[in-house]
């Protein structure tokens, strides 16, 4: 019985962290993709602009 309680406590969010509003994981994925696209556009700006000329 004691082992079940310890296993259950390991998977719980700590008390101080449980009051924070955690964003959904899908928002993090979308944000990461947007950051990657923006950084790549900054690095390869000359290449992209030369396509339109």
PDB file of N, CA and C in Angstrom:
ATOM      1  N   UNK A   1       0.832  -1.194   0.000  1.00  0.00           N
ATOM      2  CA  UNK A   1       0.000   0.000   0.000  1.00  0.00           C
ATOM      3  C   UNK A   1       0.872   1.252   0.000  1.00  0.00           C
ATOM      4  N   UNK A   2       1.946   1.229   0.765  1.00  0.00           N
ATOM      5  CA  UNK A   2       2.829   2.385   0.855  1.00  0.00           C
ATOM      6  C   UNK A   2       3.525   2.647  -0.474  1.00  0.00           C
ATOM      7  N   UNK A   3       3.852   1.585  -1.219  1.00  0.00           N
ATOM      8  CA  UNK A   3       4.508   1.754  -2.518  1.00  0.00           C
ATOM      9  C   UNK A   3       3.582   2.450  -3.521  1.00  0.00           C
ATOM     10  N   UNK A   4       2.299   2.152  -3.464  1.00  0.00           N
ATOM     11  CA  UNK A   4       1.348   2.803  -4.356  1.00  0.00           C
ATOM     12  C   UNK A   4       1.257   4.302  -4.086  1.00  0.00           C
ATOM     13  N   UNK A   5       1.295   4.681  -2.809  1.00  0.00           N
ATOM     14  CA  UNK A   5       1.235   6.099  -2.454  1.00  0.00           C
ATOM     15  C   UNK A   5       2.478   6.839  -2.932  1.00  0.00           C
ATOM     16  N   UNK A   6       3.645   6.229  -2.808  1.00  0.00           N
ATOM     17  CA  UNK A   6       4.883   6.866  -3.262  1.00  0.00           C
ATOM     18  C   UNK A   6       4.878   7.028  -4.777  1.00  0.00           C
ATOM     19  N   UNK A   7       4.409   6.016  -5.484  1.00  0.00           N
ATOM     20  CA  UNK A   7       4.360   6.081  -6.940  1.00  0.00           C
ATOM     21  C   UNK A   7       3.376   7.158  -7.393  1.00  0.00           C
ATOM     22  N   UNK A   8       2.272   7.280  -6.695  1.00  0.00           N
ATOM     23  CA  UNK A   8       1.267   8.292  -7.039  1.00  0.00           C
ATOM     24  C   UNK A   8       1.798   9.698  -6.770  1.00  0.00           C
ATOM     25  N   UNK A   9       2.555   9.879  -5.708  1.00  0.00           N
ATOM     26  CA  UNK A   9       3.088  11.193  -5.357  1.00  0.00           C
ATOM     27  C   UNK A   9       4.169  11.652  -6.336  1.00  0.00           C
ATOM     28  N   UNK A  10       4.892  10.730  -6.957  1.00  0.00           N
ATOM     29  CA  UNK A  10       5.945  11.100  -7.894  1.00  0.00           C
ATOM     30  C   UNK A  10       5.371  11.750  -9.143  1.00  0.00           C
ATOM     31  N   UNK A  11       4.180  11.370  -9.556  1.00  0.00           N
ATOM     32  CA  UNK A  11       3.591  11.884 -10.781  1.00  0.00           C
ATOM     33  C   UNK A  11       2.784  13.155 -10.579  1.00  0.00           C
ATOM     34  N   UNK A  12       2.640  13.605  -9.361  1.00  0.00           N
ATOM     35  CA  UNK A  12       1.856  14.816  -9.097  1.00  0.00           C
ATOM     36  C   UNK A  12       2.704  16.057  -9.306  1.00  0.00           C
ATOM     37  N   UNK A  13       2.037  17.143  -9.692  1.00  0.00           N
ATOM     38  CA  UNK A  13       2.696  18.436  -9.812  1.00  0.00           C
ATOM     39  C   UNK A  13       2.929  18.991  -8.414  1.00  0.00           C
ATOM     40  N   UNK A  14       4.119  19.530  -8.146  1.00  0.00           N
ATOM     41  CA  UNK A  14       4.357  20.109  -6.812  1.00  0.00           C
ATOM     42  C   UNK A  14       3.334  21.187  -6.482  1.00  0.00           C
ATOM     43  N   UNK A  15       3.075  21.357  -5.203  1.00  0.00           N
ATOM     44  CA  UNK A  15       2.010  22.244  -4.739  1.00  0.00           C
ATOM     45  C   UNK A  15       2.195  23.678  -5.237  1.00  0.00           C
ATOM     46  N   UNK A  16       3.417  24.201  -5.161  1.00  0.00           N
ATOM     47  CA  UNK A  16       3.643  25.590  -5.576  1.00  0.00           C
ATOM     48  C   UNK A  16       3.483  25.755  -7.083  1.00  0.00           C
ATOM     49  N   UNK A  17       3.765  24.720  -7.841  1.00  0.00           N
ATOM     50  CA  UNK A  17       3.661  24.804  -9.298  1.00  0.00           C
ATOM     51  C   UNK A  17       2.236  24.566  -9.781  1.00  0.00           C
ATOM     52  N   UNK A  18       1.400  23.961  -8.960  1.00  0.00           N
ATOM     53  CA  UNK A  18       0.046  23.619  -9.404  1.00  0.00           C
ATOM     54  C   UNK A  18      -0.826  24.857  -9.576  1.00  0.00           C
ATOM     55  N   UNK A  19      -0.447  25.970  -8.962  1.00  0.00           N
ATOM     56  CA  UNK A  19      -1.246  27.193  -9.077  1.00  0.00           C
ATOM     57  C   UNK A  19      -0.931  27.979 -10.345  1.00  0.00           C
ATOM     58  N   UNK A  20       0.152  27.637 -11.034  1.00  0.00           N
ATOM     59  CA  UNK A  20       0.511  28.351 -12.260  1.00  0.00           C
ATOM     60  C   UNK A  20      -0.341  27.870 -13.424  1.00  0.00           C
ATOM     61  N   UNK A  21      -0.580  28.748 -14.352  1.00  0.00           N
ATOM     62  CA  UNK A  21      -1.327  28.381 -15.553  1.00  0.00           C
ATOM     63  C   UNK A  21      -0.319  27.896 -16.595  1.00  0.00           C
ATOM     64  N   UNK A  22      -0.251  26.598 -16.810  1.00  0.00           N
ATOM     65  CA  UNK A  22       0.684  26.037 -17.769  1.00  0.00           C
ATOM     66  C   UNK A  22       0.060  26.050 -19.152  1.00  0.00           C
ATOM     67  N   UNK A  23       0.790  26.518 -20.156  1.00  0.00           N
ATOM     68  CA  UNK A  23       0.236  26.513 -21.519  1.00  0.00           C
ATOM     69  C   UNK A  23       0.159  25.090 -22.063  1.00  0.00           C
ATOM     70  N   UNK A  24      -0.723  24.890 -23.005  1.00  0.00           N
ATOM     71  CA  UNK A  24      -0.852  23.581 -23.636  1.00  0.00           C
ATOM     72  C   UNK A  24       0.380  23.310 -24.490  1.00  0.00           C
ATOM     73  N   UNK A  25       0.709  22.050 -24.682  1.00  0.00           N
ATOM     74  CA  UNK A  25       1.904  21.678 -25.435  1.00  0.00           C
ATOM     75  C   UNK A  25       1.803  22.091 -26.896  1.00  0.00           C
ATOM     76  N   UNK A  26       0.582  22.102 -27.447  1.00  0.00           N
ATOM     77  CA  UNK A  26       0.444  22.459 -28.861  1.00  0.00           C
ATOM     78  C   UNK A  26       0.842  23.906 -29.105  1.00  0.00           C
ATOM     79  N   UNK A  27       0.642  24.794 -28.131  1.00  0.00           N
ATOM     80  CA  UNK A  27       1.061  26.180 -28.294  1.00  0.00           C
ATOM     81  C   UNK A  27       2.584  26.282 -28.331  1.00  0.00           C
ATOM     82  N   UNK A  28       3.261  25.469 -27.557  1.00  0.00           N
ATOM     83  CA  UNK A  28       4.719  25.445 -27.569  1.00  0.00           C
ATOM     84  C   UNK A  28       5.257  24.963 -28.901  1.00  0.00           C
ATOM     85  N   UNK A  29       4.600  23.973 -29.484  1.00  0.00           N
ATOM     86  CA  UNK A  29       5.022  23.456 -30.791  1.00  0.00           C
ATOM     87  C   UNK A  29       4.823  24.521 -31.858  1.00  0.00           C
ATOM     88  N   UNK A  30       3.685  25.191 -31.836  1.00  0.00           N
ATOM     89  CA  UNK A  30       3.407  26.244 -32.817  1.00  0.00           C
ATOM     90  C   UNK A  30       4.414  27.383 -32.655  1.00  0.00           C
ATOM     91  N   UNK A  31       4.695  27.763 -31.420  1.00  0.00           N
ATOM     92  CA  UNK A  31       5.658  28.830 -31.167  1.00  0.00           C
ATOM     93  C   UNK A  31       7.054  28.436 -31.652  1.00  0.00           C
ATOM     94  N   UNK A  32       7.465  27.190 -31.433  1.00  0.00           N
ATOM     95  CA  UNK A  32       8.774  26.729 -31.894  1.00  0.00           C
ATOM     96  C   UNK A  32       8.862  26.759 -33.413  1.00  0.00           C
ATOM     97  N   UNK A  33       7.808  26.341 -34.089  1.00  0.00           N
ATOM     98  CA  UNK A  33       7.813  26.357 -35.561  1.00  0.00           C
ATOM     99  C   UNK A  33       7.895  27.789 -36.087  1.00  0.00           C
ATOM    100  N   UNK A  34       7.148  28.705 -35.467  1.00  0.00           N
ATOM    101  CA  UNK A  34       7.185  30.106 -35.891  1.00  0.00           C
ATOM    102  C   UNK A  34       8.588  30.689 -35.684  1.00  0.00           C
ATOM    103  N   UNK A  35       9.218  30.383 -34.556  1.00  0.00           N
ATOM    104  CA  UNK A  35      10.564  30.896 -34.293  1.00  0.00           C
ATOM    105  C   UNK A  35      11.553  30.348 -35.309  1.00  0.00           C
ATOM    106  N   UNK A  36      11.449  29.066 -35.637  1.00  0.00           N
ATOM    107  CA  UNK A  36      12.351  28.464 -36.627  1.00  0.00           C
ATOM    108  C   UNK A  36      12.174  29.126 -37.987  1.00  0.00           C
ATOM    109  N   UNK A  37      10.933  29.373 -38.391  1.00  0.00           N
ATOM    110  CA  UNK A  37      10.681  30.005 -39.690  1.00  0.00           C
ATOM    111  C   UNK A  37      11.232  31.422 -39.718  1.00  0.00           C
ATOM    112  N   UNK A  38      11.025  32.187 -38.656  1.00  0.00           N
ATOM    113  CA  UNK A  38      11.506  33.568 -38.615  1.00  0.00           C
ATOM    114  C   UNK A  38      13.031  33.618 -38.635  1.00  0.00           C
ATOM    115  N   UNK A  39      13.678  32.754 -37.873  1.00  0.00           N
ATOM    116  CA  UNK A  39      15.149  32.743 -37.838  1.00  0.00           C
ATOM    117  C   UNK A  39      15.707  32.340 -39.190  1.00  0.00           C
ATOM    118  N   UNK A  40      15.109  31.327 -39.825  1.00  0.00           N
ATOM    119  CA  UNK A  40      15.577  30.925 -41.150  1.00  0.00           C
ATOM    120  C   UNK A  40      15.353  32.029 -42.180  1.00  0.00           C
ATOM    121  N   UNK A  41      14.260  32.750 -42.075  1.00  0.00           N
ATOM    122  CA  UNK A  41      14.025  33.849 -43.003  1.00  0.00           C
ATOM    123  C   UNK A  41      15.063  34.952 -42.823  1.00  0.00           C
ATOM    124  N   UNK A  42      15.444  35.224 -41.576  1.00  0.00           N
ATOM    125  CA  UNK A  42      16.459  36.247 -41.324  1.00  0.00           C
ATOM    126  C   UNK A  42      17.807  35.807 -41.902  1.00  0.00           C
ATOM    127  N   UNK A  43      18.177  34.545 -41.695  1.00  0.00           N
ATOM    128  CA  UNK A  43      19.464  34.061 -42.197  1.00  0.00           C
ATOM    129  C   UNK A  43      19.501  34.006 -43.727  1.00  0.00           C
ATOM    130  N   UNK A  44      18.413  33.578 -44.339  1.00  0.00           N
ATOM    131  CA  UNK A  44      18.382  33.369 -45.787  1.00  0.00           C
ATOM    132  C   UNK A  44      17.559  34.432 -46.503  1.00  0.00           C
ATOM    133  N   UNK A  45      17.538  35.627 -45.949  1.00  0.00           N
ATOM    134  CA  UNK A  45      16.752  36.726 -46.505  1.00  0.00           C
ATOM    135  C   UNK A  45      17.182  37.043 -47.940  1.00  0.00           C
ATOM    136  N   UNK A  46      18.472  37.084 -48.191  1.00  0.00           N
ATOM    137  CA  UNK A  46      18.962  37.401 -49.529  1.00  0.00           C
ATOM    138  C   UNK A  46      18.521  36.347 -50.545  1.00  0.00           C
ATOM    139  N   UNK A  47      18.541  35.096 -50.141  1.00  0.00           N
ATOM    140  CA  UNK A  47      18.110  34.023 -51.043  1.00  0.00           C
ATOM    141  C   UNK A  47      16.633  34.158 -51.390  1.00  0.00           C
ATOM    142  N   UNK A  48      15.792  34.418 -50.398  1.00  0.00           N
ATOM    143  CA  UNK A  48      14.360  34.531 -50.646  1.00  0.00           C
ATOM    144  C   UNK A  48      14.043  35.762 -51.492  1.00  0.00           C
ATOM    145  N   UNK A  49      14.750  36.852 -51.251  1.00  0.00           N
ATOM    146  CA  UNK A  49      14.493  38.064 -52.024  1.00  0.00           C
ATOM    147  C   UNK A  49      14.971  37.908 -53.458  1.00  0.00           C
ATOM    148  N   UNK A  50      16.021  37.111 -53.685  1.00  0.00           N
ATOM    149  CA  UNK A  50      16.515  36.910 -55.046  1.00  0.00           C
ATOM    150  C   UNK A  50      15.549  36.044 -55.871  1.00  0.00           C
ATOM    151  N   UNK A  51      14.702  35.273 -55.225  1.00  0.00           N
ATOM    152  CA  UNK A  51      13.717  34.456 -55.956  1.00  0.00           C
ATOM    153  C   UNK A  51      12.677  35.328 -56.648  1.00  0.00           C
ATOM    154  N   UNK A  52      12.382  36.485 -56.074  1.00  0.00           N
ATOM    155  CA  UNK A  52      11.343  37.351 -56.599  1.00  0.00           C
ATOM    156  C   UNK A  52      11.855  38.326 -57.656  1.00  0.00           C
ATOM    157  N   UNK A  53      13.169  38.331 -57.876  1.00  0.00           N
ATOM    158  CA  UNK A  53      13.723  39.269 -58.872  1.00  0.00           C
ATOM    159  C   UNK A  53      13.788  38.651 -60.230  1.00  0.00           C
TER     160      UNK A  53
END
